[in-house]
Amino acid sequence: MAARKPRISTVVDEELARWLQRRSEAEGRSVPLVVRDILTRFYADEEERFWAREGEKRLETFDPGVSVSHEDAWT
């Protein structure tokens, strides 16, 4: 038997439900697929913000004097 992906159920207000329905009709896709894609994009954006913050923290402590050069790292 094929493994099933986890399913999540939620309750939304009428306005959001109508918007999701209009969007799904405009895209020719089901409401669950529209919601999944919205969540996937939100997740990717959240992850991007996290790594951007981590990169900024690392740049604050970066010391070129003790770092390994690009050339030395790949040889």
C-alpha atoms as a PDB file:
ATOM      1  CA  MET A   1       0.000   0.000   0.000  1.00  0.00           C
ATOM      2  CA  ALA A   2       1.326   3.448  -0.892  1.00  0.00           C
ATOM      3  CA  ALA A   3       2.212   5.775   1.958  1.00  0.00           C
ATOM      4  CA  ARG A   4      -0.150   8.701   2.389  1.00  0.00           C
ATOM      5  CA  LYS A   5       0.976  12.232   3.041  1.00  0.00           C
ATOM      6  CA  PRO A   6      -0.122  13.787   6.333  1.00  0.00           C
ATOM      7  CA  ARG A   7      -3.409  15.636   6.179  1.00  0.00           C
ATOM      8  CA  ILE A   8      -4.255  18.758   8.122  1.00  0.00           C
ATOM      9  CA  SER A   9      -7.710  20.097   8.798  1.00  0.00           C
ATOM     10  CA  THR A  10      -8.436  23.682   9.738  1.00  0.00           C
ATOM     11  CA  VAL A  11     -11.301  26.099  10.175  1.00  0.00           C
ATOM     12  CA  VAL A  12     -11.329  29.462   8.380  1.00  0.00           C
ATOM     13  CA  ASP A  13     -13.719  32.375   8.362  1.00  0.00           C
ATOM     14  CA  GLU A  14     -16.214  32.905   5.555  1.00  0.00           C
ATOM     15  CA  GLU A  15     -14.238  35.672   3.851  1.00  0.00           C
ATOM     16  CA  LEU A  16     -11.083  33.569   3.640  1.00  0.00           C
ATOM     17  CA  ALA A  17     -13.068  30.548   2.434  1.00  0.00           C
ATOM     18  CA  ARG A  18     -14.640  32.642  -0.354  1.00  0.00           C
ATOM     19  CA  TRP A  19     -11.225  34.036  -1.350  1.00  0.00           C
ATOM     20  CA  LEU A  20      -9.726  30.530  -1.473  1.00  0.00           C
ATOM     21  CA  GLN A  21     -12.654  29.313  -3.556  1.00  0.00           C
ATOM     22  CA  ARG A  22     -12.318  32.208  -6.027  1.00  0.00           C
ATOM     23  CA  ARG A  23      -8.588  31.675  -6.282  1.00  0.00           C
ATOM     24  CA  SER A  24      -8.952  27.926  -6.836  1.00  0.00           C
ATOM     25  CA  GLU A  25     -11.522  28.527  -9.581  1.00  0.00           C
ATOM     26  CA  ALA A  26      -9.284  31.133 -11.237  1.00  0.00           C
ATOM     27  CA  GLU A  27      -6.342  28.713 -11.184  1.00  0.00           C
ATOM     28  CA  GLY A  28      -8.420  25.690 -12.153  1.00  0.00           C
ATOM     29  CA  ARG A  29      -7.240  23.771  -9.108  1.00  0.00           C
ATOM     30  CA  SER A  30      -8.774  22.494  -5.903  1.00  0.00           C
ATOM     31  CA  VAL A  31      -8.852  24.541  -2.713  1.00  0.00           C
ATOM     32  CA  PRO A  32      -6.551  22.057  -0.909  1.00  0.00           C
ATOM     33  CA  LEU A  33      -3.935  22.417  -3.670  1.00  0.00           C
ATOM     34  CA  VAL A  34      -4.129  26.205  -3.466  1.00  0.00           C
ATOM     35  CA  VAL A  35      -3.741  26.101   0.326  1.00  0.00           C
ATOM     36  CA  ARG A  36      -0.828  23.651   0.047  1.00  0.00           C
ATOM     37  CA  ASP A  37       0.982  25.923  -2.397  1.00  0.00           C
ATOM     38  CA  ILE A  38       0.394  28.998  -0.233  1.00  0.00           C
ATOM     39  CA  LEU A  39       1.787  27.162   2.800  1.00  0.00           C
ATOM     40  CA  THR A  40       4.755  25.871   0.795  1.00  0.00           C
ATOM     41  CA  ARG A  41       5.641  29.397  -0.338  1.00  0.00           C
ATOM     42  CA  PHE A  42       5.227  30.763   3.183  1.00  0.00           C
ATOM     43  CA  TYR A  43       7.473  28.009   4.538  1.00  0.00           C
ATOM     44  CA  ALA A  44      10.160  28.754   1.911  1.00  0.00           C
ATOM     45  CA  ASP A  45      10.007  32.475   2.726  1.00  0.00           C
ATOM     46  CA  GLU A  46      10.273  31.744   6.445  1.00  0.00           C
ATOM     47  CA  GLU A  47      13.278  29.508   5.868  1.00  0.00           C
ATOM     48  CA  GLU A  48      14.924  32.163   3.682  1.00  0.00           C
ATOM     49  CA  ARG A  49      14.459  34.776   6.420  1.00  0.00           C
ATOM     50  CA  PHE A  50      15.968  32.392   8.983  1.00  0.00           C
ATOM     51  CA  TRP A  51      19.109  31.753   6.909  1.00  0.00           C
ATOM     52  CA  ALA A  52      19.457  35.442   6.096  1.00  0.00           C
ATOM     53  CA  ARG A  53      19.470  36.212   9.849  1.00  0.00           C
ATOM     54  CA  GLU A  54      21.987  33.421  10.479  1.00  0.00           C
ATOM     55  CA  GLY A  55      24.208  34.770   7.705  1.00  0.00           C
ATOM     56  CA  GLU A  56      24.088  38.262   9.187  1.00  0.00           C
ATOM     57  CA  LYS A  57      25.104  36.869  12.593  1.00  0.00           C
ATOM     58  CA  ARG A  58      28.027  35.005  11.037  1.00  0.00           C
ATOM     59  CA  LEU A  59      29.173  38.098   9.158  1.00  0.00           C
ATOM     60  CA  GLU A  60      29.369  40.003  12.448  1.00  0.00           C
ATOM     61  CA  THR A  61      31.997  37.586  13.751  1.00  0.00           C
ATOM     62  CA  PHE A  62      33.817  36.915  10.450  1.00  0.00           C
ATOM     63  CA  ASP A  63      37.560  37.509  10.644  1.00  0.00           C
ATOM     64  CA  PRO A  64      39.334  37.341   7.271  1.00  0.00           C
ATOM     65  CA  GLY A  65      42.654  36.942   9.085  1.00  0.00           C
ATOM     66  CA  VAL A  66      41.756  33.507  10.433  1.00  0.00           C
ATOM     67  CA  SER A  67      39.544  32.265   7.613  1.00  0.00           C
ATOM     68  CA  VAL A  68      40.563  29.761   4.960  1.00  0.00           C
ATOM     69  CA  SER A  69      40.770  31.194   1.449  1.00  0.00           C
ATOM     70  CA  HIS A  70      38.445  29.933  -1.247  1.00  0.00           C
ATOM     71  CA  GLU A  71      41.373  28.506  -3.172  1.00  0.00           C
ATOM     72  CA  ASP A  72      42.774  26.660  -0.120  1.00  0.00           C
ATOM     73  CA  ALA A  73      39.351  25.262   0.717  1.00  0.00           C
ATOM     74  CA  TRP A  74      39.036  23.579  -2.691  1.00  0.00           C
ATOM     75  CA  THR A  75      42.587  22.266  -3.076  1.00  0.00           C
END
